[in-house]
C-alpha atoms as a PDB file:
ATOM      1  CA  UNK A   1      -3.887  29.108  11.178  1.00  0.00           C
ATOM      2  CA  UNK A   2      -2.981  25.230  11.976  1.00  0.00           C
ATOM      3  CA  UNK A   3      -5.906  24.509  13.976  1.00  0.00           C
ATOM      4  CA  UNK A   4      -8.421  26.062  11.180  1.00  0.00           C
ATOM      5  CA  UNK A   5      -7.051  24.426   8.428  1.00  0.00           C
ATOM      6  CA  UNK A   6      -6.767  20.735   9.966  1.00  0.00           C
ATOM      7  CA  UNK A   7     -10.622  21.959  11.174  1.00  0.00           C
ATOM      8  CA  UNK A   8     -11.579  22.257   7.716  1.00  0.00           C
ATOM      9  CA  UNK A   9      -9.426  19.318   6.401  1.00  0.00           C
ATOM     10  CA  UNK A  10     -12.148  16.985   8.923  1.00  0.00           C
ATOM     11  CA  UNK A  11     -14.988  18.638   7.443  1.00  0.00           C
ATOM     12  CA  UNK A  12     -13.946  17.997   4.167  1.00  0.00           C
ATOM     13  CA  UNK A  13     -13.594  14.579   5.284  1.00  0.00           C
ATOM     14  CA  UNK A  14     -17.104  13.993   6.655  1.00  0.00           C
ATOM     15  CA  UNK A  15     -18.319  15.921   3.904  1.00  0.00           C
ATOM     16  CA  UNK A  16     -16.520  12.620   1.400  1.00  0.00           C
ATOM     17  CA  UNK A  17     -17.881  10.484   3.625  1.00  0.00           C
ATOM     18  CA  UNK A  18     -21.611  11.975   3.551  1.00  0.00           C
ATOM     19  CA  UNK A  19     -20.883  11.935  -0.558  1.00  0.00           C
ATOM     20  CA  UNK A  20     -20.137   7.776  -0.035  1.00  0.00           C
ATOM     21  CA  UNK A  21     -23.591   7.981   1.873  1.00  0.00           C
ATOM     22  CA  UNK A  22     -25.267   9.507  -0.571  1.00  0.00           C
ATOM     23  CA  UNK A  23     -23.622   7.586  -3.463  1.00  0.00           C
ATOM     24  CA  UNK A  24     -24.532   4.216  -1.553  1.00  0.00           C
ATOM     25  CA  UNK A  25     -28.697   5.287  -1.384  1.00  0.00           C
ATOM     26  CA  UNK A  26     -28.862   6.023  -4.985  1.00  0.00           C
ATOM     27  CA  UNK A  27     -27.573   2.486  -6.387  1.00  0.00           C
ATOM     28  CA  UNK A  28     -29.287   0.892  -3.583  1.00  0.00           C
ATOM     29  CA  UNK A  29     -32.596   3.155  -4.685  1.00  0.00           C
ATOM     30  CA  UNK A  30     -35.963   1.585  -5.802  1.00  0.00           C
ATOM     31  CA  UNK A  31     -37.367   4.639  -7.201  1.00  0.00           C
ATOM     32  CA  UNK A  32     -34.741   6.672  -9.051  1.00  0.00           C
ATOM     33  CA  UNK A  33     -34.643   6.379 -12.648  1.00  0.00           C
ATOM     34  CA  UNK A  34     -31.183   8.254 -13.365  1.00  0.00           C
ATOM     35  CA  UNK A  35     -28.806   6.353 -11.213  1.00  0.00           C
ATOM     36  CA  UNK A  36     -25.431   6.676 -13.510  1.00  0.00           C
ATOM     37  CA  UNK A  37     -26.193  10.513 -13.676  1.00  0.00           C
ATOM     38  CA  UNK A  38     -27.377  10.606  -9.624  1.00  0.00           C
ATOM     39  CA  UNK A  39     -24.779   8.683  -8.572  1.00  0.00           C
ATOM     40  CA  UNK A  40     -22.045  10.995 -10.401  1.00  0.00           C
ATOM     41  CA  UNK A  41     -23.899  14.506 -10.036  1.00  0.00           C
ATOM     42  CA  UNK A  42     -25.103  14.051  -6.386  1.00  0.00           C
ATOM     43  CA  UNK A  43     -21.843  13.645  -4.531  1.00  0.00           C
ATOM     44  CA  UNK A  44     -19.936  15.946  -6.994  1.00  0.00           C
ATOM     45  CA  UNK A  45     -22.437  18.854  -6.050  1.00  0.00           C
ATOM     46  CA  UNK A  46     -22.402  18.510  -2.484  1.00  0.00           C
ATOM     47  CA  UNK A  47     -18.452  18.144  -2.630  1.00  0.00           C
ATOM     48  CA  UNK A  48     -18.071  20.908  -4.848  1.00  0.00           C
ATOM     49  CA  UNK A  49     -20.398  23.695  -2.186  1.00  0.00           C
ATOM     50  CA  UNK A  50     -18.192  21.838   1.075  1.00  0.00           C
ATOM     51  CA  UNK A  51     -14.919  22.185  -1.398  1.00  0.00           C
ATOM     52  CA  UNK A  52     -15.294  25.531  -1.599  1.00  0.00           C
ATOM     53  CA  UNK A  53     -17.041  26.716   1.225  1.00  0.00           C
ATOM     54  CA  UNK A  54     -14.066  25.424   3.091  1.00  0.00           C
ATOM     55  CA  UNK A  55     -11.572  27.393   0.906  1.00  0.00           C
ATOM     56  CA  UNK A  56     -13.564  30.555   1.391  1.00  0.00           C
ATOM     57  CA  UNK A  57     -12.996  29.687   5.130  1.00  0.00           C
ATOM     58  CA  UNK A  58     -10.002  29.264   4.976  1.00  0.00           C
ATOM     59  CA  UNK A  59      -9.547  32.483   3.007  1.00  0.00           C
ATOM     60  CA  UNK A  60     -11.528  34.545   5.148  1.00  0.00           C
ATOM     61  CA  UNK A  61     -12.298  33.030   8.355  1.00  0.00           C
ATOM     62  CA  UNK A  62     -13.693  35.717   9.752  1.00  0.00           C
ATOM     63  CA  UNK A  63     -16.298  35.481   7.273  1.00  0.00           C
ATOM     64  CA  UNK A  64     -19.968  33.786   7.644  1.00  0.00           C
ATOM     65  CA  UNK A  65     -19.431  32.787   3.760  1.00  0.00           C
ATOM     66  CA  UNK A  66     -17.566  30.509   3.552  1.00  0.00           C
ATOM     67  CA  UNK A  67     -19.491  28.440   6.645  1.00  0.00           C
ATOM     68  CA  UNK A  68     -22.868  28.961   4.281  1.00  0.00           C
ATOM     69  CA  UNK A  69     -21.118  27.969   1.637  1.00  0.00           C
ATOM     70  CA  UNK A  70     -19.993  24.355   3.418  1.00  0.00           C
ATOM     71  CA  UNK A  71     -23.761  24.359   4.945  1.00  0.00           C
ATOM     72  CA  UNK A  72     -25.246  24.187   1.625  1.00  0.00           C
ATOM     73  CA  UNK A  73     -23.489  21.110   0.669  1.00  0.00           C
ATOM     74  CA  UNK A  74     -24.518  19.097   3.709  1.00  0.00           C
ATOM     75  CA  UNK A  75     -28.170  20.256   3.358  1.00  0.00           C
ATOM     76  CA  UNK A  76     -27.949  19.016  -0.235  1.00  0.00           C
ATOM     77  CA  UNK A  77     -26.676  15.490   1.007  1.00  0.00           C
ATOM     78  CA  UNK A  78     -29.801  15.434   4.053  1.00  0.00           C
ATOM     79  CA  UNK A  79     -32.245  15.556   1.156  1.00  0.00           C
ATOM     80  CA  UNK A  80     -30.339  13.431  -0.539  1.00  0.00           C
ATOM     81  CA  UNK A  81     -32.245  10.860   2.028  1.00  0.00           C
ATOM     82  CA  UNK A  82     -35.131  11.168  -0.594  1.00  0.00           C
ATOM     83  CA  UNK A  83     -32.898   7.878  -2.246  1.00  0.00           C
ATOM     84  CA  UNK A  84     -33.420   5.960   0.684  1.00  0.00           C
ATOM     85  CA  UNK A  85     -36.348   2.612   0.537  1.00  0.00           C
ATOM     86  CA  UNK A  86     -37.006   3.019   4.525  1.00  0.00           C
ATOM     87  CA  UNK A  87     -40.444   5.283   4.587  1.00  0.00           C
ATOM     88  CA  UNK A  88     -39.042   7.187   7.634  1.00  0.00           C
ATOM     89  CA  UNK A  89     -35.900   7.869   6.234  1.00  0.00           C
ATOM     90  CA  UNK A  90     -37.405   8.845   3.337  1.00  0.00           C
ATOM     91  CA  UNK A  91     -39.943  11.135   4.284  1.00  0.00           C
ATOM     92  CA  UNK A  92     -37.339  12.631   6.772  1.00  0.00           C
ATOM     93  CA  UNK A  93     -35.061  13.889   3.574  1.00  0.00           C
ATOM     94  CA  UNK A  94     -38.166  14.982   1.816  1.00  0.00           C
ATOM     95  CA  UNK A  95     -39.301  17.377   4.340  1.00  0.00           C
ATOM     96  CA  UNK A  96     -35.850  18.609   5.258  1.00  0.00           C
ATOM     97  CA  UNK A  97     -34.727  18.139   1.431  1.00  0.00           C
ATOM     98  CA  UNK A  98     -35.270  22.067   1.063  1.00  0.00           C
ATOM     99  CA  UNK A  99     -33.263  23.207   3.157  1.00  0.00           C
ATOM    100  CA  UNK A 100     -30.194  23.653   0.656  1.00  0.00           C
ATOM    101  CA  UNK A 101     -32.272  26.365  -1.033  1.00  0.00           C
ATOM    102  CA  UNK A 102     -33.287  28.296   1.864  1.00  0.00           C
ATOM    103  CA  UNK A 103     -29.180  28.468   2.367  1.00  0.00           C
ATOM    104  CA  UNK A 104     -29.091  29.376  -1.357  1.00  0.00           C
ATOM    105  CA  UNK A 105     -31.697  32.060  -0.814  1.00  0.00           C
ATOM    106  CA  UNK A 106     -29.019  33.259   2.563  1.00  0.00           C
ATOM    107  CA  UNK A 107     -25.891  33.089   0.880  1.00  0.00           C
ATOM    108  CA  UNK A 108     -27.440  35.304  -1.837  1.00  0.00           C
ATOM    109  CA  UNK A 109     -28.819  37.788  -0.164  1.00  0.00           C
ATOM    110  CA  UNK A 110     -25.314  37.788   2.585  1.00  0.00           C
ATOM    111  CA  UNK A 111     -22.839  38.449  -0.489  1.00  0.00           C
ATOM    112  CA  UNK A 112     -20.138  38.779   0.779  1.00  0.00           C
ATOM    113  CA  UNK A 113     -20.146  38.862   4.281  1.00  0.00           C
ATOM    114  CA  UNK A 114     -22.292  36.086   4.861  1.00  0.00           C
ATOM    115  CA  UNK A 115     -24.308  38.658   7.969  1.00  0.00           C
ATOM    116  CA  UNK A 116     -27.561  39.557   6.263  1.00  0.00           C
ATOM    117  CA  UNK A 117     -28.548  43.240   6.498  1.00  0.00           C
ATOM    118  CA  UNK A 118     -31.450  44.478   8.457  1.00  0.00           C
ATOM    119  CA  UNK A 119     -34.687  44.930   6.721  1.00  0.00           C
ATOM    120  CA  UNK A 120     -35.787  42.950   3.803  1.00  0.00           C
ATOM    121  CA  UNK A 121     -33.523  40.812   4.255  1.00  0.00           C
ATOM    122  CA  UNK A 122     -33.658  38.947   6.703  1.00  0.00           C
ATOM    123  CA  UNK A 123     -37.865  39.524   6.713  1.00  0.00           C
ATOM    124  CA  UNK A 124     -37.013  37.414   3.126  1.00  0.00           C
ATOM    125  CA  UNK A 125     -34.654  34.778   5.065  1.00  0.00           C
ATOM    126  CA  UNK A 126     -37.298  33.963   7.899  1.00  0.00           C
ATOM    127  CA  UNK A 127     -39.951  33.519   5.570  1.00  0.00           C
ATOM    128  CA  UNK A 128     -38.203  31.164   3.653  1.00  0.00           C
ATOM    129  CA  UNK A 129     -37.176  29.217   6.855  1.00  0.00           C
ATOM    130  CA  UNK A 130     -40.867  29.437   8.268  1.00  0.00           C
ATOM    131  CA  UNK A 131     -42.859  28.440   4.785  1.00  0.00           C
ATOM    132  CA  UNK A 132     -40.253  25.514   4.665  1.00  0.00           C
ATOM    133  CA  UNK A 133     -40.528  23.907   7.835  1.00  0.00           C
ATOM    134  CA  UNK A 134     -43.320  24.983   9.650  1.00  0.00           C
ATOM    135  CA  UNK A 135     -46.232  25.637   7.413  1.00  0.00           C
ATOM    136  CA  UNK A 136     -45.713  22.594   5.290  1.00  0.00           C
ATOM    137  CA  UNK A 137     -45.576  20.515   8.071  1.00  0.00           C
ATOM    138  CA  UNK A 138     -49.181  20.169   8.063  1.00  0.00           C
ATOM    139  CA  UNK A 139     -48.907  18.849   4.526  1.00  0.00           C
ATOM    140  CA  UNK A 140     -47.356  15.777   5.844  1.00  0.00           C
ATOM    141  CA  UNK A 141     -49.140  15.445   8.762  1.00  0.00           C
ATOM    142  CA  UNK A 142     -52.581  15.389   6.831  1.00  0.00           C
ATOM    143  CA  UNK A 143     -51.307  13.343   3.974  1.00  0.00           C
ATOM    144  CA  UNK A 144     -50.510  15.560   1.576  1.00  0.00           C
ATOM    145  CA  UNK A 145     -49.186  15.311  -1.874  1.00  0.00           C
ATOM    146  CA  UNK A 146     -45.726  14.601  -1.555  1.00  0.00           C
ATOM    147  CA  UNK A 147     -45.153  14.701  -5.658  1.00  0.00           C
ATOM    148  CA  UNK A 148     -43.427  11.371  -4.834  1.00  0.00           C
ATOM    149  CA  UNK A 149     -42.028   9.363  -7.731  1.00  0.00           C
ATOM    150  CA  UNK A 150     -43.543   6.066  -8.710  1.00  0.00           C
ATOM    151  CA  UNK A 151     -41.823   3.097  -6.453  1.00  0.00           C
ATOM    152  CA  UNK A 152     -41.185   5.581  -3.493  1.00  0.00           C
ATOM    153  CA  UNK A 153     -42.077   4.996  -0.041  1.00  0.00           C
ATOM    154  CA  UNK A 154     -44.994   6.072   1.758  1.00  0.00           C
ATOM    155  CA  UNK A 155     -45.349   9.108   3.586  1.00  0.00           C
ATOM    156  CA  UNK A 156     -44.354   8.379   7.315  1.00  0.00           C
ATOM    157  CA  UNK A 157     -45.749  11.712   9.199  1.00  0.00           C
ATOM    158  CA  UNK A 158     -49.174  11.326   7.789  1.00  0.00           C
ATOM    159  CA  UNK A 159     -51.650  11.021  11.110  1.00  0.00           C
ATOM    160  CA  UNK A 160     -55.113  11.996   9.397  1.00  0.00           C
ATOM    161  CA  UNK A 161     -55.828  11.783   5.608  1.00  0.00           C
ATOM    162  CA  UNK A 162     -56.862  14.654   4.705  1.00  0.00           C
ATOM    163  CA  UNK A 163     -55.630  15.693   0.960  1.00  0.00           C
ATOM    164  CA  UNK A 164     -57.143  18.340   0.454  1.00  0.00           C
ATOM    165  CA  UNK A 165     -56.532  20.291   3.333  1.00  0.00           C
ATOM    166  CA  UNK A 166     -53.208  19.369   2.804  1.00  0.00           C
ATOM    167  CA  UNK A 167     -53.523  20.113  -0.861  1.00  0.00           C
ATOM    168  CA  UNK A 168     -55.179  24.138  -0.102  1.00  0.00           C
ATOM    169  CA  UNK A 169     -51.927  24.164   2.155  1.00  0.00           C
ATOM    170  CA  UNK A 170     -49.507  23.239  -0.343  1.00  0.00           C
ATOM    171  CA  UNK A 171     -50.738  25.929  -2.734  1.00  0.00           C
ATOM    172  CA  UNK A 172     -50.810  28.458  -0.200  1.00  0.00           C
ATOM    173  CA  UNK A 173     -47.311  27.762   0.592  1.00  0.00           C
ATOM    174  CA  UNK A 174     -46.438  27.390  -3.153  1.00  0.00           C
ATOM    175  CA  UNK A 175     -47.503  30.878  -3.301  1.00  0.00           C
ATOM    176  CA  UNK A 176     -45.976  32.282  -0.376  1.00  0.00           C
ATOM    177  CA  UNK A 177     -42.277  30.783  -1.706  1.00  0.00           C
ATOM    178  CA  UNK A 178     -42.907  32.680  -5.423  1.00  0.00           C
ATOM    179  CA  UNK A 179     -43.205  35.716  -3.278  1.00  0.00           C
ATOM    180  CA  UNK A 180     -40.267  35.206  -1.456  1.00  0.00           C
ATOM    181  CA  UNK A 181     -38.232  33.856  -5.034  1.00  0.00           C
ATOM    182  CA  UNK A 182     -39.628  37.487  -6.159  1.00  0.00           C
ATOM    183  CA  UNK A 183     -38.288  38.942  -3.399  1.00  0.00           C
ATOM    184  CA  UNK A 184     -35.219  37.890  -3.462  1.00  0.00           C
ATOM    185  CA  UNK A 185     -34.780  38.684  -6.952  1.00  0.00           C
ATOM    186  CA  UNK A 186     -35.989  42.371  -6.589  1.00  0.00           C
ATOM    187  CA  UNK A 187     -32.977  42.568  -3.465  1.00  0.00           C
ATOM    188  CA  UNK A 188     -30.439  41.526  -5.437  1.00  0.00           C
ATOM    189  CA  UNK A 189     -31.442  43.569  -8.869  1.00  0.00           C
ATOM    190  CA  UNK A 190     -31.304  46.959  -6.559  1.00  0.00           C
ATOM    191  CA  UNK A 191     -27.957  45.690  -5.013  1.00  0.00           C
ATOM    192  CA  UNK A 192     -26.567  45.784  -8.735  1.00  0.00           C
ATOM    193  CA  UNK A 193     -27.935  49.453  -9.642  1.00  0.00           C
ATOM    194  CA  UNK A 194     -26.471  50.651  -5.961  1.00  0.00           C
ATOM    195  CA  UNK A 195     -22.928  48.871  -6.408  1.00  0.00           C
ATOM    196  CA  UNK A 196     -20.539  50.808  -8.566  1.00  0.00           C
ATOM    197  CA  UNK A 197     -19.078  49.540 -11.667  1.00  0.00           C
ATOM    198  CA  UNK A 198     -15.931  47.412 -10.516  1.00  0.00           C
ATOM    199  CA  UNK A 199     -18.400  45.458  -7.581  1.00  0.00           C
ATOM    200  CA  UNK A 200     -20.856  44.942 -10.771  1.00  0.00           C
ATOM    201  CA  UNK A 201     -18.034  43.104 -12.647  1.00  0.00           C
ATOM    202  CA  UNK A 202     -16.813  41.255  -9.123  1.00  0.00           C
ATOM    203  CA  UNK A 203     -20.276  40.113  -8.384  1.00  0.00           C
ATOM    204  CA  UNK A 204     -21.722  39.566 -11.883  1.00  0.00           C
ATOM    205  CA  UNK A 205     -20.883  35.447 -12.059  1.00  0.00           C
ATOM    206  CA  UNK A 206     -22.357  34.935  -8.410  1.00  0.00           C
ATOM    207  CA  UNK A 207     -24.985  37.371  -9.132  1.00  0.00           C
ATOM    208  CA  UNK A 208     -26.454  36.466 -12.613  1.00  0.00           C
ATOM    209  CA  UNK A 209     -25.775  32.416 -11.577  1.00  0.00           C
ATOM    210  CA  UNK A 210     -27.871  32.904  -8.332  1.00  0.00           C
ATOM    211  CA  UNK A 211     -30.581  34.717 -10.043  1.00  0.00           C
ATOM    212  CA  UNK A 212     -30.644  32.240 -12.091  1.00  0.00           C
ATOM    213  CA  UNK A 213     -31.307  29.972  -9.702  1.00  0.00           C
ATOM    214  CA  UNK A 214     -34.097  31.913  -8.031  1.00  0.00           C
ATOM    215  CA  UNK A 215     -35.821  32.652 -10.842  1.00  0.00           C
ATOM    216  CA  UNK A 216     -36.633  29.134 -11.878  1.00  0.00           C
ATOM    217  CA  UNK A 217     -37.653  28.123  -8.474  1.00  0.00           C
ATOM    218  CA  UNK A 218     -40.013  30.442  -8.489  1.00  0.00           C
ATOM    219  CA  UNK A 219     -41.156  29.239 -11.920  1.00  0.00           C
ATOM    220  CA  UNK A 220     -41.666  25.723 -10.709  1.00  0.00           C
ATOM    221  CA  UNK A 221     -43.646  26.936  -7.736  1.00  0.00           C
ATOM    222  CA  UNK A 222     -46.002  28.920  -9.378  1.00  0.00           C
ATOM    223  CA  UNK A 223     -45.904  26.196 -12.009  1.00  0.00           C
ATOM    224  CA  UNK A 224     -47.322  24.075  -9.412  1.00  0.00           C
ATOM    225  CA  UNK A 225     -49.924  26.303  -8.171  1.00  0.00           C
ATOM    226  CA  UNK A 226     -50.828  27.027 -11.879  1.00  0.00           C
ATOM    227  CA  UNK A 227     -51.049  23.818 -13.023  1.00  0.00           C
ATOM    228  CA  UNK A 228     -48.521  23.865 -15.866  1.00  0.00           C
ATOM    229  CA  UNK A 229     -47.596  20.831 -17.834  1.00  0.00           C
ATOM    230  CA  UNK A 230     -45.086  18.664 -16.346  1.00  0.00           C
ATOM    231  CA  UNK A 231     -42.397  18.777 -19.852  1.00  0.00           C
ATOM    232  CA  UNK A 232     -42.101  22.712 -18.882  1.00  0.00           C
ATOM    233  CA  UNK A 233     -41.850  22.450 -14.872  1.00  0.00           C
ATOM    234  CA  UNK A 234     -39.404  20.009 -15.536  1.00  0.00           C
ATOM    235  CA  UNK A 235     -37.351  22.085 -18.354  1.00  0.00           C
ATOM    236  CA  UNK A 236     -37.101  25.471 -16.085  1.00  0.00           C
ATOM    237  CA  UNK A 237     -36.123  22.898 -12.979  1.00  0.00           C
ATOM    238  CA  UNK A 238     -33.113  21.566 -14.930  1.00  0.00           C
ATOM    239  CA  UNK A 239     -32.054  25.270 -16.282  1.00  0.00           C
ATOM    240  CA  UNK A 240     -32.357  25.509 -12.554  1.00  0.00           C
ATOM    241  CA  UNK A 241     -30.165  22.733 -11.018  1.00  0.00           C
ATOM    242  CA  UNK A 242     -27.393  23.365 -14.039  1.00  0.00           C
ATOM    243  CA  UNK A 243     -26.916  26.797 -12.434  1.00  0.00           C
ATOM    244  CA  UNK A 244     -27.345  25.897  -9.082  1.00  0.00           C
ATOM    245  CA  UNK A 245     -24.623  23.360  -9.996  1.00  0.00           C
ATOM    246  CA  UNK A 246     -21.796  25.879 -10.753  1.00  0.00           C
ATOM    247  CA  UNK A 247     -23.007  28.102  -8.162  1.00  0.00           C
ATOM    248  CA  UNK A 248     -20.253  26.925  -5.669  1.00  0.00           C
ATOM    249  CA  UNK A 249     -17.604  28.491  -8.134  1.00  0.00           C
ATOM    250  CA  UNK A 250     -19.375  31.709  -9.490  1.00  0.00           C
ATOM    251  CA  UNK A 251     -19.525  32.883  -5.296  1.00  0.00           C
ATOM    252  CA  UNK A 252     -15.928  31.690  -4.929  1.00  0.00           C
ATOM    253  CA  UNK A 253     -14.903  33.848  -8.033  1.00  0.00           C
ATOM    254  CA  UNK A 254     -16.847  36.922  -6.759  1.00  0.00           C
ATOM    255  CA  UNK A 255     -15.791  36.789  -3.132  1.00  0.00           C
ATOM    256  CA  UNK A 256     -12.146  36.486  -4.634  1.00  0.00           C
ATOM    257  CA  UNK A 257     -12.799  39.888  -6.256  1.00  0.00           C
ATOM    258  CA  UNK A 258     -14.883  41.483  -3.741  1.00  0.00           C
ATOM    259  CA  UNK A 259     -13.307  44.006  -1.566  1.00  0.00           C
ATOM    260  CA  UNK A 260     -14.703  45.051   1.315  1.00  0.00           C
END
């Protein structure tokens, strides 16, 4: 498969270019407080997903899972646009930023084939996409709270100033996000119970790492809704971030061990 190999190498090269662009945004950002950490971890995490995704794609070319992993890496770099000092670029990055998390939900629910089963998995993923990119749009248009750090650019999407309405919509989307996370965990736990002992052992790294990411995501949504202190939300976010960082390697381990 020399053609596929060349295409995947080219895809990895594009990933390196994206990592370089992300690094440049971090280093020139006026609102990034942890430049050294972000400059090191942000490119490495994106490249880890792209590299492991390309490996999975090459190993099983008819499987869509490698494609999804690679897409997570590029979506992660797109989210890095939030480091920009330009209002339009920053706002686009903030709006599109959740894409990598939605793709992670899709990956977890489509493991190991990359294809979603009919029923709850498809409904969950559809709800995640609609919530992230349709229901949240009015929050931007109505000049809602973007949870921006100090010194970040203004919201370039605002057409009306109605923060009260925007905040109400934000609460609704957070509740739906919590529901999506809870439903994802329920499906994954149900699959584990239905799996054979060898399947459980093979899927354990991916399953528990993925569940950690989704549980932390759901807790952040719930915490934002009920007003949990920022220190607690920050701790939960940190745990979820660590789990997300090791997720590509857990996925590859499970993919290599799983037969189907």
